[in-house]
N, C-alpha and C. Protein backbone atom coordinates (compact mmCIF):
# COMPACT_ATOMS: atom_id res chain seq x y z
N MET A 1 2.52 69.69 112.62
CA MET A 1 1.81 68.98 111.61
C MET A 1 2.49 69.24 110.14
N LYS A 2 2.83 68.26 109.24
CA LYS A 2 3.37 68.64 108.04
C LYS A 2 2.30 69.11 107.11
N SER A 3 2.68 69.73 106.14
CA SER A 3 1.91 70.21 104.94
C SER A 3 2.30 69.56 103.60
N VAL A 4 1.28 69.27 102.75
CA VAL A 4 1.47 68.72 101.38
C VAL A 4 1.04 69.76 100.39
N SER A 5 1.79 70.04 99.39
CA SER A 5 1.24 70.90 98.38
C SER A 5 0.75 70.34 97.12
N ILE A 6 -0.43 70.78 96.59
CA ILE A 6 -1.00 70.22 95.35
C ILE A 6 -1.34 71.41 94.43
N SER A 7 -1.29 71.27 93.16
CA SER A 7 -1.67 72.30 92.23
C SER A 7 -2.96 71.96 91.61
N GLY A 8 -3.95 72.75 91.51
CA GLY A 8 -5.33 72.50 90.97
C GLY A 8 -5.64 73.33 89.86
N SER A 9 -6.60 73.00 89.03
CA SER A 9 -7.01 73.79 87.97
C SER A 9 -8.43 74.24 88.06
N PRO A 10 -8.81 75.42 87.98
CA PRO A 10 -10.37 75.85 88.21
C PRO A 10 -11.23 75.05 87.21
N ARG A 11 -12.32 74.74 87.64
CA ARG A 11 -13.37 74.04 86.86
C ARG A 11 -14.43 75.12 86.20
N ALA A 12 -14.32 75.08 84.82
CA ALA A 12 -15.22 75.91 84.18
C ALA A 12 -16.67 75.40 84.32
N ASN A 13 -16.81 74.15 84.32
CA ASN A 13 -18.04 73.57 84.39
C ASN A 13 -18.27 72.50 85.56
N VAL A 14 -19.21 72.59 86.23
CA VAL A 14 -19.53 71.76 87.34
C VAL A 14 -20.70 70.81 87.10
N GLY A 15 -20.50 69.58 87.00
CA GLY A 15 -21.67 68.71 86.73
C GLY A 15 -21.03 67.24 86.48
N LYS A 16 -21.98 66.21 86.28
CA LYS A 16 -21.71 64.96 86.24
C LYS A 16 -20.75 64.56 84.90
N LYS A 17 -21.18 65.18 83.91
CA LYS A 17 -20.48 65.02 82.58
C LYS A 17 -19.08 65.47 82.73
N ASP A 18 -18.76 66.66 83.28
CA ASP A 18 -17.49 67.17 83.40
C ASP A 18 -16.73 66.43 84.47
N ALA A 19 -17.35 65.89 85.51
CA ALA A 19 -16.55 65.17 86.57
C ALA A 19 -16.09 63.79 86.01
N THR A 20 -16.96 63.20 85.12
CA THR A 20 -16.69 62.02 84.47
C THR A 20 -15.42 62.04 83.52
N ALA A 21 -15.47 63.18 82.76
CA ALA A 21 -14.37 63.49 81.88
C ALA A 21 -13.10 63.67 82.68
N LEU A 22 -13.13 64.36 83.69
CA LEU A 22 -11.84 64.61 84.58
C LEU A 22 -11.35 63.31 85.11
N ARG A 23 -12.15 62.36 85.70
CA ARG A 23 -11.86 61.14 86.16
C ARG A 23 -11.21 60.23 84.88
N ASN A 24 -11.71 60.33 83.87
CA ASN A 24 -11.21 59.72 82.77
C ASN A 24 -9.83 60.13 82.43
N ALA A 25 -9.49 61.34 82.80
CA ALA A 25 -8.22 61.90 82.51
C ALA A 25 -7.30 61.82 83.61
N LYS A 26 -7.64 60.92 84.70
CA LYS A 26 -6.82 60.71 85.84
C LYS A 26 -6.78 61.93 86.78
N ALA A 27 -7.95 62.63 86.86
CA ALA A 27 -7.95 63.83 87.62
C ALA A 27 -9.14 63.62 88.70
N VAL A 28 -9.08 64.53 89.68
CA VAL A 28 -10.11 64.36 90.69
C VAL A 28 -10.86 65.67 90.91
N PRO A 29 -12.20 65.57 90.79
CA PRO A 29 -12.93 66.97 91.17
C PRO A 29 -12.83 67.27 92.57
N CYS A 30 -12.75 68.58 92.89
CA CYS A 30 -12.50 68.99 94.27
C CYS A 30 -13.28 70.33 94.38
N VAL A 31 -13.69 70.56 95.71
CA VAL A 31 -14.27 71.71 96.11
C VAL A 31 -13.59 72.17 97.34
N LEU A 32 -13.35 73.55 97.46
CA LEU A 32 -12.80 74.11 98.69
C LEU A 32 -13.74 75.18 99.31
N TYR A 33 -14.07 74.92 100.50
CA TYR A 33 -15.10 75.80 101.15
C TYR A 33 -14.63 76.18 102.54
N GLY A 34 -15.35 76.98 103.11
CA GLY A 34 -15.02 77.37 104.48
C GLY A 34 -14.37 78.87 104.74
N GLY A 35 -14.13 79.36 103.53
CA GLY A 35 -13.39 80.71 103.63
C GLY A 35 -14.40 81.70 102.96
N LYS A 36 -13.77 82.60 102.28
CA LYS A 36 -14.58 83.73 101.78
C LYS A 36 -15.36 83.26 100.59
N GLU A 37 -14.83 82.42 99.75
CA GLU A 37 -15.62 81.81 98.54
C GLU A 37 -15.39 80.32 98.57
N GLN A 38 -16.26 79.69 97.71
CA GLN A 38 -16.25 78.33 97.39
C GLN A 38 -15.61 78.26 96.02
N ILE A 39 -14.61 77.30 95.98
CA ILE A 39 -13.80 77.13 94.82
C ILE A 39 -13.86 75.68 94.31
N HIS A 40 -14.32 75.59 93.06
CA HIS A 40 -14.38 74.22 92.46
C HIS A 40 -13.20 74.04 91.42
N PHE A 41 -12.38 72.92 91.74
CA PHE A 41 -11.14 72.82 90.83
C PHE A 41 -11.01 71.20 90.78
N SER A 42 -9.97 70.91 89.99
CA SER A 42 -9.54 69.64 89.74
C SER A 42 -8.04 69.50 90.05
N ALA A 43 -7.63 68.24 90.55
CA ALA A 43 -6.16 67.88 90.73
C ALA A 43 -5.89 66.65 90.21
N LEU A 44 -4.57 66.36 89.83
CA LEU A 44 -4.26 64.92 89.39
C LEU A 44 -4.36 63.92 90.39
N ALA A 45 -4.93 62.82 90.17
CA ALA A 45 -5.16 61.82 91.35
C ALA A 45 -3.75 61.46 91.76
N ALA A 46 -2.84 61.46 91.04
CA ALA A 46 -1.39 61.08 91.62
C ALA A 46 -0.80 62.12 92.69
N ASP A 47 -1.43 63.16 92.68
CA ASP A 47 -1.04 64.21 93.74
C ASP A 47 -1.56 64.12 95.01
N PHE A 48 -2.46 63.10 95.10
CA PHE A 48 -3.11 62.70 96.48
C PHE A 48 -2.38 61.51 97.15
N ARG A 49 -1.34 61.02 96.58
CA ARG A 49 -0.72 59.89 96.99
C ARG A 49 -0.14 60.21 98.49
N ASP A 50 0.49 61.27 98.77
CA ASP A 50 1.07 61.58 100.00
C ASP A 50 0.03 62.46 100.87
N LEU A 51 -1.11 62.56 100.41
CA LEU A 51 -2.12 63.15 101.29
C LEU A 51 -3.14 62.39 101.79
N ILE A 52 -3.65 61.29 100.91
CA ILE A 52 -4.72 60.49 101.25
C ILE A 52 -4.23 59.01 101.65
N TYR A 53 -3.34 58.52 100.66
CA TYR A 53 -2.87 57.15 100.84
C TYR A 53 -1.79 57.21 101.72
N THR A 54 -1.88 57.46 102.96
CA THR A 54 -0.95 57.47 103.99
C THR A 54 -1.43 57.39 105.32
N PRO A 55 -0.84 56.88 106.29
CA PRO A 55 -1.22 56.83 107.62
C PRO A 55 -1.19 58.04 108.49
N HIS A 56 -0.41 59.08 107.80
CA HIS A 56 -0.18 60.38 108.52
C HIS A 56 -1.21 61.42 108.20
N VAL A 57 -1.43 62.28 109.01
CA VAL A 57 -2.31 63.31 108.88
C VAL A 57 -1.57 64.70 108.43
N ASN A 58 -2.12 65.36 107.43
CA ASN A 58 -1.29 66.45 106.95
C ASN A 58 -2.33 67.61 106.47
N THR A 59 -1.82 68.65 106.65
CA THR A 59 -2.64 69.81 105.98
C THR A 59 -2.22 69.99 104.64
N VAL A 60 -2.86 70.82 103.86
CA VAL A 60 -2.62 70.83 102.38
C VAL A 60 -2.54 72.27 101.95
N ASN A 61 -1.60 72.68 101.16
CA ASN A 61 -1.48 74.04 100.48
C ASN A 61 -1.98 73.78 99.14
N ILE A 62 -3.06 74.50 98.69
CA ILE A 62 -3.60 74.20 97.37
C ILE A 62 -3.43 75.47 96.49
N GLU A 63 -2.74 75.34 95.35
CA GLU A 63 -2.50 76.39 94.35
C GLU A 63 -3.53 76.44 93.35
N VAL A 64 -4.51 77.38 93.24
CA VAL A 64 -5.44 77.39 92.13
C VAL A 64 -5.59 78.79 91.75
N GLY A 65 -5.51 78.84 90.45
CA GLY A 65 -5.53 80.30 89.80
C GLY A 65 -4.57 81.33 90.28
N GLY A 66 -3.40 80.98 90.68
CA GLY A 66 -2.31 81.85 91.05
C GLY A 66 -2.60 82.16 92.63
N LYS A 67 -3.43 81.75 93.31
CA LYS A 67 -3.55 81.84 94.67
C LYS A 67 -3.25 80.53 95.55
N THR A 68 -2.81 80.72 96.86
CA THR A 68 -2.63 79.44 97.51
C THR A 68 -3.45 79.51 98.76
N TYR A 69 -4.11 78.38 99.00
CA TYR A 69 -5.07 78.24 100.23
C TYR A 69 -4.58 77.18 101.05
N HIS A 70 -4.64 77.49 102.36
CA HIS A 70 -4.12 76.42 103.39
C HIS A 70 -5.47 75.76 103.90
N ALA A 71 -5.48 74.47 103.72
CA ALA A 71 -6.69 73.57 103.94
C ALA A 71 -6.42 72.24 104.66
N ILE A 72 -7.54 71.54 104.97
CA ILE A 72 -7.48 70.22 105.37
C ILE A 72 -8.55 69.43 104.62
N ILE A 73 -8.42 68.12 104.41
CA ILE A 73 -9.30 67.38 103.80
C ILE A 73 -10.46 67.11 104.73
N GLN A 74 -11.73 67.33 104.31
CA GLN A 74 -12.91 67.18 105.14
C GLN A 74 -13.61 65.92 104.71
N GLU A 75 -13.64 65.61 103.50
CA GLU A 75 -14.21 64.23 102.95
C GLU A 75 -13.54 63.87 101.74
N ALA A 76 -13.36 62.50 101.54
CA ALA A 76 -12.85 61.90 100.38
C ALA A 76 -13.82 60.85 99.95
N GLN A 77 -14.26 60.73 98.75
CA GLN A 77 -15.28 59.73 98.30
C GLN A 77 -14.54 58.82 97.23
N PHE A 78 -14.75 57.49 97.41
CA PHE A 78 -14.09 56.58 96.68
C PHE A 78 -15.30 55.68 95.93
N HIS A 79 -14.83 55.05 94.94
CA HIS A 79 -15.82 54.21 94.20
C HIS A 79 -16.02 52.89 94.88
N ARG A 80 -17.05 52.37 95.04
CA ARG A 80 -17.39 51.30 95.94
C ARG A 80 -16.75 50.02 95.37
N VAL A 81 -16.57 49.85 94.23
CA VAL A 81 -16.01 48.62 93.75
C VAL A 81 -14.45 48.63 93.59
N HIS A 82 -13.77 49.56 92.77
CA HIS A 82 -12.45 49.59 92.58
C HIS A 82 -11.63 50.64 93.31
N ASP A 83 -12.29 51.33 94.29
CA ASP A 83 -11.57 52.23 95.13
C ASP A 83 -10.98 53.56 94.47
N GLN A 84 -11.50 53.91 93.34
CA GLN A 84 -10.99 55.11 92.61
C GLN A 84 -11.47 56.26 93.31
N LEU A 85 -10.55 57.19 93.42
CA LEU A 85 -10.85 58.63 94.31
C LEU A 85 -11.81 59.23 93.38
N LEU A 86 -12.99 59.66 93.92
CA LEU A 86 -13.98 60.33 93.02
C LEU A 86 -14.14 61.69 93.31
N HIS A 87 -13.94 62.14 94.50
CA HIS A 87 -14.27 63.47 94.80
C HIS A 87 -13.65 63.75 96.21
N VAL A 88 -13.06 65.07 96.35
CA VAL A 88 -12.43 65.51 97.60
C VAL A 88 -12.99 66.78 98.06
N ASP A 89 -13.56 66.88 99.19
CA ASP A 89 -13.90 68.23 99.86
C ASP A 89 -12.71 68.65 100.77
N PHE A 90 -12.44 69.99 100.59
CA PHE A 90 -11.39 70.67 101.45
C PHE A 90 -12.11 71.69 102.16
N LEU A 91 -11.54 71.73 103.47
CA LEU A 91 -12.02 72.86 104.24
C LEU A 91 -10.91 73.95 104.40
N GLU A 92 -11.13 75.16 104.18
CA GLU A 92 -10.09 76.08 104.14
C GLU A 92 -9.78 76.50 105.76
N ILE A 93 -8.48 76.51 106.11
CA ILE A 93 -8.26 76.87 107.38
C ILE A 93 -8.25 78.35 107.48
N VAL A 94 -9.02 78.82 108.57
CA VAL A 94 -9.19 80.25 108.77
C VAL A 94 -8.55 80.48 110.23
N ALA A 95 -7.71 81.52 110.22
CA ALA A 95 -7.01 81.87 111.59
C ALA A 95 -8.15 81.91 112.65
N GLY A 96 -7.84 81.30 113.90
CA GLY A 96 -8.66 81.54 114.93
C GLY A 96 -9.87 80.61 114.92
N ARG A 97 -10.19 79.94 113.89
CA ARG A 97 -11.34 79.05 113.70
C ARG A 97 -11.04 77.57 113.93
N PRO A 98 -11.61 76.92 114.88
CA PRO A 98 -11.22 75.50 115.10
C PRO A 98 -11.76 74.55 113.97
N VAL A 99 -11.03 73.41 113.77
CA VAL A 99 -11.36 72.52 112.83
C VAL A 99 -11.58 71.16 113.45
N THR A 100 -12.18 70.21 112.66
CA THR A 100 -12.25 68.76 113.20
C THR A 100 -11.45 67.89 112.38
N MET A 101 -10.59 67.02 113.07
CA MET A 101 -9.71 66.15 112.23
C MET A 101 -9.79 64.77 112.92
N ASN A 102 -9.44 63.75 112.24
CA ASN A 102 -9.20 62.49 112.70
C ASN A 102 -7.62 62.17 112.77
N ILE A 103 -7.24 62.14 114.12
CA ILE A 103 -5.79 61.97 114.41
C ILE A 103 -5.50 60.55 114.79
N PRO A 104 -4.35 60.00 114.24
CA PRO A 104 -3.98 58.60 114.47
C PRO A 104 -3.59 58.37 115.88
N VAL A 105 -4.06 57.18 116.33
CA VAL A 105 -3.64 56.63 117.76
C VAL A 105 -2.36 55.87 117.74
N LYS A 106 -1.40 56.33 118.60
CA LYS A 106 -0.23 55.60 118.73
C LYS A 106 0.21 55.20 120.10
N THR A 107 0.53 54.01 120.41
CA THR A 107 0.87 53.59 121.80
C THR A 107 2.42 53.68 122.00
N THR A 108 2.71 53.99 123.30
CA THR A 108 4.19 54.08 123.70
C THR A 108 4.42 53.26 124.81
N GLY A 109 5.55 52.63 124.97
CA GLY A 109 5.89 51.75 126.10
C GLY A 109 5.39 50.33 125.88
N THR A 110 5.65 49.48 126.99
CA THR A 110 5.23 48.00 126.89
C THR A 110 4.44 47.78 128.07
N SER A 111 3.22 47.15 127.65
CA SER A 111 2.27 46.77 128.76
C SER A 111 2.64 45.56 129.44
N PRO A 112 2.68 45.58 130.88
CA PRO A 112 2.88 44.37 131.63
C PRO A 112 1.87 43.30 131.35
N GLY A 113 0.55 43.72 130.96
CA GLY A 113 -0.42 42.66 130.72
C GLY A 113 -0.10 41.86 129.53
N VAL A 114 0.51 42.55 128.48
CA VAL A 114 0.96 41.84 127.29
C VAL A 114 2.14 41.02 127.68
N ARG A 115 2.96 41.25 128.38
CA ARG A 115 4.20 40.46 128.76
C ARG A 115 3.65 39.17 129.62
N GLU A 116 2.45 39.40 130.24
CA GLU A 116 1.99 38.20 130.92
C GLU A 116 1.17 37.25 130.07
N GLY A 117 0.91 37.61 128.86
CA GLY A 117 0.28 36.77 127.85
C GLY A 117 -0.99 37.42 127.30
N GLY A 118 -1.49 38.57 127.92
CA GLY A 118 -2.58 39.25 127.36
C GLY A 118 -2.36 39.88 125.95
N LYS A 119 -3.54 40.22 125.33
CA LYS A 119 -3.50 40.72 123.92
C LYS A 119 -3.82 42.19 123.96
N LEU A 120 -2.97 43.07 123.33
CA LEU A 120 -3.27 44.50 123.28
C LEU A 120 -4.30 44.70 122.08
N ASN A 121 -5.34 45.32 122.35
CA ASN A 121 -6.38 45.56 121.43
C ASN A 121 -6.63 47.09 121.23
N LYS A 122 -6.39 47.52 119.95
CA LYS A 122 -6.64 48.94 119.70
C LYS A 122 -7.93 49.09 119.12
N LYS A 123 -8.84 49.50 119.82
CA LYS A 123 -10.31 49.64 119.39
C LYS A 123 -10.43 50.95 118.39
N LEU A 124 -9.76 52.04 118.57
CA LEU A 124 -9.83 53.10 117.83
C LEU A 124 -8.50 53.30 117.10
N LYS A 125 -8.37 53.36 115.79
CA LYS A 125 -7.05 53.57 115.13
C LYS A 125 -7.05 55.16 114.93
N THR A 126 -8.07 55.90 114.96
CA THR A 126 -7.94 57.33 114.92
C THR A 126 -8.97 57.84 115.91
N MET A 127 -8.72 59.05 116.31
CA MET A 127 -9.68 59.87 117.31
C MET A 127 -10.11 61.09 116.61
N LYS A 128 -11.40 61.35 116.68
CA LYS A 128 -11.97 62.55 116.07
C LYS A 128 -11.76 63.74 117.16
N VAL A 129 -11.04 64.90 116.84
CA VAL A 129 -10.86 65.87 117.76
C VAL A 129 -11.04 67.23 117.18
N LYS A 130 -11.26 68.15 117.97
CA LYS A 130 -11.57 69.57 117.52
C LYS A 130 -10.63 70.49 118.27
N GLY A 131 -10.18 71.57 117.32
CA GLY A 131 -9.26 72.47 117.86
C GLY A 131 -8.62 73.25 116.77
N LEU A 132 -7.75 74.13 117.13
CA LEU A 132 -7.08 74.84 116.19
C LEU A 132 -6.02 74.10 115.53
N VAL A 133 -5.82 74.40 114.27
CA VAL A 133 -4.77 73.54 113.56
C VAL A 133 -3.45 73.35 114.22
N GLU A 134 -3.09 74.51 114.62
CA GLU A 134 -1.70 74.60 115.30
C GLU A 134 -1.57 73.95 116.53
N LYS A 135 -2.76 73.44 117.16
CA LYS A 135 -2.68 72.58 118.37
C LYS A 135 -2.85 71.08 118.08
N MET A 136 -3.00 70.87 116.75
CA MET A 136 -3.23 69.44 116.24
C MET A 136 -1.86 68.74 116.35
N PRO A 137 -1.86 67.56 117.05
CA PRO A 137 -0.60 66.81 117.00
C PRO A 137 -0.60 65.83 115.93
N ASP A 138 0.54 65.36 115.56
CA ASP A 138 0.75 64.29 114.53
C ASP A 138 0.02 62.95 114.86
N THR A 139 0.07 62.69 116.13
CA THR A 139 -0.50 61.45 116.64
C THR A 139 -1.01 61.72 118.00
N ILE A 140 -1.92 60.88 118.48
CA ILE A 140 -2.31 61.04 119.93
C ILE A 140 -1.57 59.71 120.59
N ASP A 141 -0.65 60.07 121.42
CA ASP A 141 0.21 59.09 122.06
C ASP A 141 -0.41 58.67 123.29
N ILE A 142 -0.64 57.34 123.47
CA ILE A 142 -1.00 56.76 124.74
C ILE A 142 -0.05 55.77 125.37
N ALA A 143 0.38 56.14 126.63
CA ALA A 143 1.44 55.21 127.26
C ALA A 143 0.54 53.92 127.88
N ILE A 144 1.17 52.88 127.53
CA ILE A 144 0.48 51.58 128.11
C ILE A 144 1.37 50.90 129.07
N ASP A 145 2.46 51.62 129.60
CA ASP A 145 3.25 50.95 130.58
C ASP A 145 2.50 50.44 131.82
N GLY A 146 1.36 51.15 132.11
CA GLY A 146 0.63 50.65 133.23
C GLY A 146 -0.65 49.67 133.05
N LEU A 147 -0.72 49.40 131.78
CA LEU A 147 -1.93 48.48 131.52
C LEU A 147 -1.73 47.06 131.88
N LYS A 148 -2.51 46.47 132.70
CA LYS A 148 -2.46 45.04 133.09
C LYS A 148 -3.57 44.37 132.29
N ILE A 149 -3.69 43.11 132.45
CA ILE A 149 -4.67 42.34 131.84
C ILE A 149 -6.09 42.86 132.43
N GLY A 150 -7.05 43.17 131.48
CA GLY A 150 -8.23 43.66 131.82
C GLY A 150 -8.33 45.24 131.93
N ASP A 151 -7.19 46.02 131.86
CA ASP A 151 -7.08 47.30 131.93
C ASP A 151 -7.53 47.93 130.68
N SER A 152 -7.99 49.19 130.59
CA SER A 152 -8.16 49.86 129.32
C SER A 152 -7.99 51.38 129.62
N VAL A 153 -7.98 52.01 128.34
CA VAL A 153 -7.84 53.50 128.38
C VAL A 153 -9.11 53.91 127.51
N ARG A 154 -9.94 54.70 128.02
CA ARG A 154 -11.18 55.33 127.38
C ARG A 154 -10.94 56.67 126.90
N VAL A 155 -11.78 57.15 125.96
CA VAL A 155 -11.75 58.39 125.41
C VAL A 155 -11.74 59.67 126.54
N GLU A 156 -12.42 59.33 127.56
CA GLU A 156 -12.36 60.28 128.75
C GLU A 156 -11.30 60.42 129.56
N ASP A 157 -10.36 59.36 129.35
CA ASP A 157 -9.06 59.40 130.12
C ASP A 157 -8.05 60.20 129.38
N ILE A 158 -8.29 60.56 128.04
CA ILE A 158 -7.35 61.33 127.29
C ILE A 158 -7.47 62.73 127.40
N LYS A 159 -6.38 63.54 127.88
CA LYS A 159 -6.67 64.91 127.95
C LYS A 159 -5.55 65.56 127.14
N ILE A 160 -5.73 66.44 126.04
CA ILE A 160 -4.80 67.27 125.44
C ILE A 160 -5.15 68.60 125.30
N ASP A 161 -4.22 69.42 125.80
CA ASP A 161 -4.42 70.88 125.90
C ASP A 161 -4.90 71.51 124.64
N GLY A 162 -5.95 72.22 124.62
CA GLY A 162 -6.44 72.83 123.58
C GLY A 162 -7.32 72.13 122.49
N LEU A 163 -7.49 70.73 122.80
CA LEU A 163 -8.31 69.94 121.98
C LEU A 163 -9.41 69.38 122.71
N THR A 164 -10.55 69.25 121.91
CA THR A 164 -11.86 68.51 122.48
C THR A 164 -12.01 67.19 121.82
N MET A 165 -12.10 66.11 122.67
CA MET A 165 -12.45 64.77 122.08
C MET A 165 -13.88 64.66 121.66
N LEU A 166 -14.11 64.32 120.44
CA LEU A 166 -15.48 64.24 119.94
C LEU A 166 -16.15 62.77 119.95
N ASP A 167 -15.36 61.86 120.24
CA ASP A 167 -15.84 60.47 120.43
C ASP A 167 -16.52 60.31 121.70
N ALA A 168 -17.41 59.25 121.78
CA ALA A 168 -18.11 59.25 123.05
C ALA A 168 -17.21 58.86 124.14
N PRO A 169 -17.34 59.59 125.37
CA PRO A 169 -16.47 59.45 126.49
C PRO A 169 -16.01 58.06 126.99
N ASN A 170 -17.13 57.25 126.87
CA ASN A 170 -17.11 55.92 127.54
C ASN A 170 -16.39 54.81 126.33
N VAL A 171 -16.17 55.23 125.24
CA VAL A 171 -15.60 54.31 124.23
C VAL A 171 -14.14 53.99 124.53
N THR A 172 -13.84 52.76 124.50
CA THR A 172 -12.46 52.13 124.75
C THR A 172 -11.61 52.50 123.60
N VAL A 173 -10.46 53.15 123.85
CA VAL A 173 -9.47 53.40 122.78
C VAL A 173 -8.47 52.11 122.72
N ILE A 174 -7.86 51.84 123.82
CA ILE A 174 -6.82 50.77 123.91
C ILE A 174 -7.14 49.88 125.21
N GLY A 175 -7.07 48.58 124.99
CA GLY A 175 -7.36 47.62 126.13
C GLY A 175 -6.45 46.40 125.92
N VAL A 176 -6.30 45.79 127.13
CA VAL A 176 -5.41 44.55 127.20
C VAL A 176 -6.43 43.37 127.52
N GLN A 177 -6.64 42.47 126.73
CA GLN A 177 -7.52 41.34 126.90
C GLN A 177 -6.89 40.14 127.34
N VAL A 178 -7.72 39.38 128.06
CA VAL A 178 -7.21 38.00 128.55
C VAL A 178 -7.33 37.17 127.38
N THR A 179 -6.26 36.29 127.20
CA THR A 179 -6.42 35.25 126.13
C THR A 179 -6.67 33.83 126.67
N ARG A 180 -6.93 32.94 125.64
CA ARG A 180 -7.16 31.58 126.12
C ARG A 180 -5.96 30.94 126.86
N ALA A 181 -4.70 31.36 126.32
CA ALA A 181 -3.50 30.70 127.04
C ALA A 181 -3.40 31.07 128.37
N VAL A 182 -3.80 32.40 128.71
CA VAL A 182 -3.71 32.97 130.03
C VAL A 182 -4.83 32.16 130.95
N VAL A 183 -6.01 32.01 130.48
CA VAL A 183 -6.95 31.21 131.20
C VAL A 183 -6.49 29.84 131.44
N ALA A 184 -5.90 29.19 130.32
CA ALA A 184 -5.45 27.73 130.55
C ALA A 184 -4.39 27.54 131.56
N ASP A 185 -3.39 28.71 131.52
CA ASP A 185 -2.31 28.70 132.58
C ASP A 185 -2.94 28.77 133.88
N ALA A 186 -3.82 29.77 134.14
CA ALA A 186 -4.41 29.91 135.45
C ALA A 186 -5.25 28.77 135.86
N ALA A 187 -5.87 28.11 135.04
CA ALA A 187 -6.71 26.77 135.42
C ALA A 187 -5.60 25.69 135.70
N ALA A 188 -4.45 25.46 134.97
CA ALA A 188 -3.54 24.52 135.33
C ALA A 188 -2.83 24.92 136.73
N ALA A 189 -2.57 26.06 136.94
CA ALA A 189 -1.86 26.60 138.21
C ALA A 189 -2.88 26.29 139.37
N ALA A 190 -4.14 26.58 139.13
CA ALA A 190 -5.14 26.31 140.26
C ALA A 190 -5.26 24.88 140.47
N ALA A 191 -5.18 23.95 139.56
CA ALA A 191 -5.47 22.61 139.65
C ALA A 191 -4.24 21.89 140.30
N THR A 192 -2.90 22.49 140.13
CA THR A 192 -1.74 21.72 140.56
C THR A 192 -1.82 21.57 142.00
N PRO A 193 -2.09 22.51 142.95
CA PRO A 193 -2.02 22.30 144.38
C PRO A 193 -3.16 21.17 144.84
N ALA A 194 -4.25 21.23 144.13
CA ALA A 194 -5.20 20.09 144.42
C ALA A 194 -4.81 18.63 143.93
N ALA A 195 -4.04 18.74 142.95
CA ALA A 195 -3.47 17.35 142.48
C ALA A 195 -2.43 16.92 143.26
N LYS A 196 -1.60 17.77 143.96
CA LYS A 196 -0.66 17.36 144.95
C LYS A 196 -1.10 16.98 146.23
N ALA A 197 -2.32 17.67 146.62
CA ALA A 197 -2.92 17.25 147.87
C ALA A 197 -3.68 15.89 147.87
N ALA A 198 -4.21 15.57 146.67
CA ALA A 198 -4.78 14.21 146.57
C ALA A 198 -3.97 13.02 146.95
N PRO A 199 -2.78 12.78 146.65
CA PRO A 199 -1.98 11.61 147.05
C PRO A 199 -1.72 11.79 148.53
N ALA A 200 -1.39 12.95 149.18
CA ALA A 200 -1.15 13.19 150.39
C ALA A 200 -2.29 12.73 151.37
N ALA A 201 -3.49 13.07 150.85
CA ALA A 201 -4.71 12.84 151.63
C ALA A 201 -4.99 11.32 151.48
N ALA A 202 -4.64 10.72 150.43
CA ALA A 202 -4.91 9.26 150.26
C ALA A 202 -3.93 8.52 151.22
N ALA A 203 -2.75 8.99 151.35
CA ALA A 203 -1.72 8.35 152.16
C ALA A 203 -2.15 8.42 153.69
N LYS A 204 -2.61 9.51 153.97
CA LYS A 204 -3.01 9.66 155.44
C LYS A 204 -4.28 8.79 155.69
N ALA A 205 -5.06 8.67 154.79
CA ALA A 205 -6.19 7.79 155.06
C ALA A 205 -6.14 6.32 155.02
N ALA A 206 -5.05 5.80 154.32
CA ALA A 206 -4.61 4.40 154.30
C ALA A 206 -4.52 3.76 155.68
N PRO A 207 -3.60 4.34 156.58
CA PRO A 207 -3.46 3.71 157.87
C PRO A 207 -4.59 3.65 158.63
N ALA A 208 -5.53 4.76 158.47
CA ALA A 208 -6.77 4.74 159.26
C ALA A 208 -7.50 3.64 158.83
N ALA A 209 -7.58 3.29 157.46
CA ALA A 209 -8.48 2.25 156.97
C ALA A 209 -8.01 0.80 157.41
N LYS A 210 -6.66 0.60 157.73
CA LYS A 210 -6.11 -0.69 158.25
C LYS A 210 -6.66 -0.79 159.69
N LYS A 211 -6.64 0.13 160.46
CA LYS A 211 -7.17 0.06 161.76
C LYS A 211 -8.66 -0.35 161.85
């Protein structure tokens, strides 16, 4: 898993007025916890471009007051209207202590069900997992080569060494759904033998009627 580095400035004051002033200066109030001490700091909003506004999951090296801390984002708060990044909580990574992360789901291969006209439906874009950071993959890869129409992969079907899946076991992650086109094709195929049989049956009945 890749790491992104950001530089922070310690916050002398912690409160709504100070937070508003930081946001007006295009900075983001942050807090780092989970280690020996809780640290309040701010970082430029632009520095979060490769950390939050990305489909990838990264750890982060935070430099504050001459010290560097290894962490992950625990929570990011955004403005409800214009999506401004308002606050970020970081969890410090401590050796030997498991963390919880949302890892993106990625499919590999080609589904025979999709080739037959089915639709691949990704129910979960990310999966919540728990484990040591060094065990965390960049993506959770799910092979779909064996998925036919109506087949699915659930959380309980996914096993990764060293990780615990925290989503409900019966939740569908990936599935191949039947489409209207497939139903229509099946109905047409079923109707074809009957349509062919009707003229033949009529032809056999005609001589019998003449007698």
